[in-house]
Protein backbone atom coordinates (compact mmCIF):
# COMPACT_ATOMS: atom_id res chain seq x y z
CA MET A 1 3.23 -37.50 -120.78
CA THR A 2 0.21 -35.98 -122.52
CA ASN A 3 -0.24 -38.97 -124.82
CA ARG A 4 -0.07 -41.39 -121.89
CA LEU A 5 -2.71 -39.43 -120.00
CA ASP A 6 -4.95 -39.28 -123.06
CA ASN A 7 -4.59 -43.04 -123.61
CA THR A 8 -5.44 -43.72 -119.96
CA TYR A 9 -8.53 -41.54 -120.16
CA HIS A 10 -9.85 -43.10 -123.37
CA SER A 11 -9.12 -46.66 -122.18
CA ASN A 12 -11.26 -46.16 -119.05
CA SER A 13 -13.63 -43.28 -119.78
CA LEU A 14 -16.37 -44.93 -117.75
CA GLY A 15 -14.23 -45.34 -114.64
CA THR A 16 -12.88 -41.80 -114.90
CA PHE A 17 -16.39 -40.37 -115.21
CA LEU A 18 -17.76 -42.43 -112.30
CA LYS A 19 -14.90 -41.40 -110.03
CA ASP A 20 -15.25 -37.73 -110.94
CA ARG A 21 -19.01 -37.68 -110.28
CA ARG A 22 -18.57 -39.65 -107.05
CA HIS A 23 -16.20 -37.00 -105.72
CA ARG A 24 -18.73 -34.24 -106.49
CA LEU A 25 -21.44 -35.57 -104.18
CA ASP A 26 -22.00 -34.20 -100.68
CA ALA A 27 -21.62 -37.14 -98.29
CA ILE A 28 -23.17 -35.34 -95.31
CA ALA A 29 -26.22 -34.22 -97.30
CA LEU A 30 -26.74 -37.81 -98.43
CA GLY A 31 -26.56 -39.18 -94.90
CA PHE A 32 -23.00 -40.51 -94.83
CA GLY A 33 -20.85 -39.34 -91.94
CA GLY A 34 -17.28 -39.96 -90.83
CA ARG A 35 -13.97 -38.26 -91.47
CA ARG A 36 -12.78 -38.29 -95.09
CA ARG A 37 -9.46 -37.76 -96.75
CA THR A 38 -11.09 -37.00 -100.11
CA PRO A 39 -14.31 -35.19 -101.01
CA GLY A 40 -17.47 -36.96 -102.08
CA LEU A 41 -18.68 -40.49 -101.47
CA ARG A 42 -16.65 -43.63 -100.97
CA ARG A 43 -16.95 -46.42 -103.52
CA GLU A 44 -18.94 -48.63 -101.17
CA GLU A 45 -21.37 -45.78 -100.51
CA VAL A 46 -22.08 -45.34 -104.22
CA ALA A 47 -22.52 -49.10 -104.49
CA GLN A 48 -24.97 -49.02 -101.59
CA ARG A 49 -27.02 -46.26 -103.23
CA ALA A 50 -26.99 -48.12 -106.56
CA HIS A 51 -27.86 -51.50 -104.96
CA ILE A 52 -24.83 -53.26 -106.45
CA SER A 53 -21.83 -54.88 -104.77
CA ALA A 54 -18.89 -52.72 -103.73
CA THR A 55 -16.54 -55.11 -105.53
CA TRP A 56 -18.43 -54.75 -108.82
CA TYR A 57 -18.48 -50.96 -108.53
CA THR A 58 -14.74 -50.90 -107.78
CA TRP A 59 -14.10 -52.97 -110.88
CA LEU A 60 -16.13 -50.54 -112.98
CA GLU A 61 -14.03 -47.60 -111.79
CA GLN A 62 -10.88 -49.59 -112.49
CA GLY A 63 -11.99 -50.62 -115.99
CA ARG A 64 -12.32 -54.29 -115.11
CA GLY A 65 -15.12 -56.82 -115.38
CA GLY A 66 -16.55 -55.97 -118.79
CA ALA A 67 -19.44 -53.74 -119.80
CA PRO A 68 -22.22 -53.08 -117.24
CA SER A 69 -25.86 -53.78 -118.01
CA GLN A 70 -28.36 -51.02 -118.76
CA ARG A 71 -30.01 -51.71 -115.42
CA VAL A 72 -26.73 -51.13 -113.59
CA LEU A 73 -26.11 -47.90 -115.49
CA GLU A 74 -29.61 -46.66 -114.65
CA SER A 75 -28.97 -47.42 -110.98
CA LEU A 76 -25.64 -45.62 -111.07
CA ALA A 77 -27.18 -42.60 -112.78
CA LYS A 78 -29.68 -42.30 -109.93
CA ALA A 79 -27.10 -43.02 -107.25
CA LEU A 80 -24.78 -40.32 -108.61
CA MET A 81 -27.68 -37.90 -109.18
CA LEU A 82 -26.72 -37.35 -112.81
CA THR A 83 -28.39 -34.84 -115.09
CA GLU A 84 -30.04 -36.03 -118.32
CA ALA A 85 -26.94 -35.11 -120.33
CA GLU A 86 -24.65 -36.86 -117.82
CA ARG A 87 -26.88 -39.95 -117.92
CA ASP A 88 -26.62 -40.06 -121.71
CA TYR A 89 -22.84 -39.75 -121.49
CA LEU A 90 -22.67 -42.52 -118.88
CA PHE A 91 -24.45 -44.88 -121.27
CA LEU A 92 -22.30 -43.85 -124.23
CA VAL A 93 -19.01 -44.54 -122.45
CA GLY A 94 -20.45 -47.56 -120.64
CA ILE A 95 -22.09 -49.55 -123.45
CA GLY A 96 -21.59 -47.46 -126.58
CA HIS A 97 -25.12 -46.16 -127.12
CA PRO A 98 -27.51 -43.78 -125.37
CA PRO A 99 -30.25 -45.01 -123.03
CA LYS A 100 -33.76 -45.68 -124.20
CA ALA A 101 -35.56 -42.43 -124.87
CA HIS A 102 -38.27 -41.43 -122.47
CA SER A 103 -41.56 -41.13 -124.29
CA SER A 104 -44.15 -39.20 -122.35
CA ALA A 105 -46.85 -37.22 -124.10
CA GLN A 106 -47.78 -35.71 -120.75
CA GLU A 107 -44.50 -33.78 -120.49
CA GLY A 108 -45.33 -31.60 -123.50
CA ILE A 109 -42.83 -29.06 -124.81
CA SER A 110 -41.17 -26.00 -123.36
CA VAL A 111 -42.55 -22.49 -123.77
CA ARG A 112 -39.41 -21.55 -125.71
CA LEU A 113 -39.93 -24.38 -128.20
CA GLN A 114 -43.58 -23.39 -128.65
CA ARG A 115 -42.49 -19.83 -129.44
CA PHE A 116 -40.15 -21.25 -132.09
CA LEU A 117 -43.06 -23.12 -133.70
CA ASP A 118 -45.25 -20.03 -133.59
CA ALA A 119 -42.53 -17.99 -135.32
CA MET A 120 -43.35 -19.89 -138.54
CA PRO A 121 -46.85 -18.56 -139.28
CA MET A 122 -47.18 -20.14 -142.75
CA ILE A 123 -44.98 -23.22 -142.31
CA PRO A 124 -46.64 -26.18 -140.57
CA ALA A 125 -44.51 -27.63 -137.79
CA THR A 126 -45.13 -30.34 -135.21
CA VAL A 127 -43.28 -31.97 -132.34
CA ALA A 128 -43.83 -35.67 -131.67
CA THR A 129 -42.63 -38.18 -129.09
CA SER A 130 -40.68 -41.30 -130.00
CA THR A 131 -44.00 -43.14 -130.19
CA TRP A 132 -45.39 -40.44 -132.49
CA ASP A 133 -47.76 -38.73 -130.10
CA ILE A 134 -48.06 -35.09 -131.20
CA VAL A 135 -47.24 -32.87 -128.22
CA GLY A 136 -46.59 -29.56 -130.01
CA TRP A 137 -47.79 -27.78 -133.14
CA ASN A 138 -48.25 -24.35 -134.60
CA HIS A 139 -51.29 -22.66 -136.13
CA ALA A 140 -50.22 -23.48 -139.68
CA ALA A 141 -50.16 -27.20 -138.79
CA GLN A 142 -53.69 -26.95 -137.42
CA ILE A 143 -54.90 -25.41 -140.68
CA ALA A 144 -53.03 -27.58 -143.17
CA LEU A 145 -52.58 -30.93 -141.40
CA THR A 146 -54.90 -31.66 -138.47
CA ASP A 147 -56.60 -29.54 -135.85
CA TYR A 148 -54.82 -31.28 -132.99
CA GLU A 149 -56.30 -28.93 -130.41
CA THR A 150 -59.78 -30.40 -130.92
CA LEU A 151 -58.56 -33.97 -130.34
CA PRO A 152 -58.13 -35.70 -126.97
CA PRO A 153 -54.41 -36.09 -126.15
CA ASP A 154 -54.58 -39.87 -126.62
CA GLU A 155 -55.87 -39.42 -130.17
CA ARG A 156 -53.08 -37.07 -131.29
CA ASN A 157 -51.00 -39.91 -132.63
CA ILE A 158 -49.70 -39.90 -136.19
CA LEU A 159 -50.26 -43.62 -136.81
CA LYS A 160 -53.73 -43.67 -135.27
CA LEU A 161 -54.80 -40.67 -137.31
CA MET A 162 -53.46 -42.11 -140.55
CA PHE A 163 -55.21 -45.47 -140.16
CA LEU A 164 -58.29 -44.67 -138.06
CA ASP A 165 -59.30 -41.10 -139.00
CA THR A 166 -61.27 -40.90 -142.26
CA GLU A 167 -60.57 -37.19 -142.78
CA VAL A 168 -56.82 -37.61 -142.43
CA ARG A 169 -56.93 -40.58 -144.77
CA ALA A 170 -58.91 -38.65 -147.39
CA ALA A 171 -56.38 -35.79 -147.26
CA GLN A 172 -53.58 -38.04 -148.61
CA ARG A 173 -53.17 -38.09 -152.39
CA ASN A 174 -51.66 -41.58 -152.23
CA TRP A 175 -52.79 -42.97 -148.89
CA GLU A 176 -51.25 -46.44 -149.22
CA SER A 177 -47.81 -45.10 -150.09
CA VAL A 178 -47.89 -42.67 -147.16
CA ALA A 179 -49.21 -45.32 -144.79
CA ARG A 180 -46.51 -47.82 -145.74
CA PHE A 181 -43.84 -45.19 -145.26
CA LEU A 182 -45.18 -44.35 -141.80
CA VAL A 183 -45.34 -47.97 -140.68
CA ALA A 184 -41.80 -48.65 -141.89
CA THR A 185 -40.37 -45.55 -140.20
CA PHE A 186 -42.27 -46.28 -136.98
CA ARG A 187 -40.79 -49.79 -136.89
CA ALA A 188 -37.28 -48.37 -137.36
CA GLU A 189 -37.87 -45.73 -134.69
CA THR A 190 -39.19 -48.32 -132.24
CA ALA A 191 -36.08 -50.43 -132.76
CA ARG A 192 -33.83 -47.40 -132.25
CA ILE A 193 -35.31 -46.35 -128.92
CA GLY A 194 -36.17 -49.83 -127.70
CA GLU A 195 -39.67 -51.22 -127.55
CA ASN A 196 -41.72 -49.85 -124.67
CA GLN A 197 -45.20 -50.30 -123.27
CA ARG A 198 -46.66 -47.38 -125.24
CA SER A 199 -45.40 -48.63 -128.62
CA THR A 200 -46.54 -52.19 -127.90
CA GLU A 201 -50.00 -51.05 -126.88
CA LEU A 202 -50.22 -48.73 -129.88
CA VAL A 203 -49.41 -51.48 -132.38
CA ALA A 204 -51.93 -53.80 -130.73
CA GLU A 205 -54.66 -51.14 -130.67
CA ILE A 206 -54.30 -50.13 -134.32
CA SER A 207 -53.92 -53.74 -135.47
CA SER A 208 -57.21 -54.65 -133.82
CA SER A 209 -59.01 -51.83 -135.66
CA SER A 210 -57.20 -51.86 -139.01
CA GLU A 211 -56.35 -55.01 -140.96
CA GLU A 212 -54.40 -52.82 -143.37
CA PHE A 213 -52.08 -51.72 -140.58
CA ALA A 214 -51.76 -55.27 -139.25
CA GLN A 215 -50.74 -56.51 -142.70
CA MET A 216 -48.20 -53.71 -143.23
CA TRP A 217 -46.73 -54.30 -139.76
CA ARG A 218 -46.27 -58.01 -140.50
CA GLU A 219 -44.27 -57.16 -143.62
CA ASN A 220 -41.39 -55.89 -141.43
CA ASP A 221 -40.34 -53.05 -143.75
CA VAL A 222 -38.08 -50.35 -142.26
CA HIS A 223 -37.35 -46.80 -143.33
CA THR A 224 -35.88 -43.61 -141.89
CA VAL A 225 -37.78 -40.33 -141.68
CA GLY A 226 -35.10 -37.87 -142.78
CA GLU A 227 -36.66 -35.63 -145.37
CA GLY A 228 -38.94 -35.86 -148.39
CA SER A 229 -42.11 -34.52 -150.01
CA LYS A 230 -45.70 -34.70 -148.87
CA ILE A 231 -48.82 -33.78 -150.85
CA ILE A 232 -52.08 -33.13 -149.05
CA LEU A 233 -55.53 -32.59 -150.49
CA HIS A 234 -56.90 -29.58 -148.66
CA ALA A 235 -60.66 -29.02 -148.61
CA VAL A 236 -60.27 -25.34 -149.60
CA GLU A 237 -57.00 -24.98 -151.54
CA GLY A 238 -56.77 -28.42 -153.12
CA GLU A 239 -53.31 -29.94 -153.52
CA ILE A 240 -50.54 -28.43 -151.42
CA THR A 241 -47.03 -29.85 -151.69
CA PHE A 242 -44.65 -29.66 -148.75
CA GLU A 243 -40.99 -30.52 -148.36
CA PHE A 244 -40.59 -32.00 -144.90
CA SER A 245 -37.52 -32.36 -142.72
CA SER A 246 -37.10 -33.92 -139.29
CA PHE A 247 -34.83 -32.61 -136.55
CA ALA A 248 -33.68 -33.91 -133.19
CA ILE A 249 -34.29 -31.64 -130.20
CA ASP A 250 -31.23 -31.12 -128.03
CA GLY A 251 -31.80 -32.24 -124.47
CA ARG A 252 -34.98 -34.14 -125.38
CA PRO A 253 -33.99 -37.35 -127.19
CA ASP A 254 -37.60 -38.49 -126.91
CA LEU A 255 -38.84 -35.67 -129.17
CA LYS A 256 -38.59 -34.95 -132.90
CA LEU A 257 -39.39 -31.72 -134.72
CA MET A 258 -41.05 -31.95 -138.15
CA ILE A 259 -41.17 -28.91 -140.43
CA TYR A 260 -43.32 -28.86 -143.59
CA ASN A 261 -42.07 -26.12 -145.90
CA PRO A 262 -44.33 -25.21 -148.87
CA ALA A 263 -42.52 -26.60 -151.91
CA ASN A 264 -42.83 -23.55 -154.18
CA CYS A 265 -44.32 -20.08 -154.45
CA VAL A 266 -47.74 -21.44 -155.48
CA ASP A 267 -47.91 -23.63 -152.37
CA MET A 268 -46.71 -20.74 -150.23
CA GLU A 269 -49.48 -18.55 -151.66
CA LYS A 270 -52.03 -21.23 -150.78
CA MET A 271 -50.76 -21.36 -147.21
CA GLY A 272 -50.80 -17.57 -147.09
CA ARG A 273 -54.46 -17.49 -148.09
CA LEU A 274 -55.38 -20.20 -145.60
CA CYS A 275 -53.62 -18.49 -142.72
CA SER A 276 -54.94 -15.02 -143.52
CA SER A 277 -58.53 -16.20 -144.01
CA ASP A 278 -58.39 -18.10 -140.74
CA LEU A 279 -57.14 -15.07 -138.85
CA ASN A 280 -59.65 -12.75 -140.57
CA PRO A 281 -62.87 -14.75 -141.02
């Protein structure tokens, strides 16, 4: 009996999930009256809220009719008033991959995440959107990487800084190698989340101002961020080597945390001097 139930669930995970969430909704609160034998909304009521046919919705619950489109899944997520986690799950069981990540620099980061960044006083750390707009950073990142606080929000973009900011460019020991790596990883990231208006506009803007970027973009190289080493040329301490790692942020698929750990005790001492001198001018 258990195996049969498990097989039924896995063969129609989408339908099971839709039916369960449909039964959790309050019909009266959503403007649907009438006597009901079961709790929640009727199938035709969900279909009405999602602007799809009742027949098509019924087939989805029954595991018939093939995979739904992303547009249909988005409509169902709204109709069923799903949370962000539930929406992600709906896409995973519906079409096998999560929805496109939201990428809004205006949303920023939570206070709790900012406290986490601040708890690393000598380790630079940043948080970026899927289109590489920096939306969070700690004091160490301001000192060692870029003083993001002095920049307008629209200029706090990793690609724009690397190709259009002369100070950031001068701080790279091997600018071309770093730039190529960034372009290749940005292309891979754009493909992963799905191209959006922000990424399209960003590529067009930088291409119009930097022939070097335009050429690298046309080469179609791809790379993943993962982890690696980064050497910067600091105006005060000279070369500082960091080992960087990237991390996903649970509940925010549009954000990525980057931590730059000083590679050895000498680099840590340099960061220590920079941080202490900045706090005690």
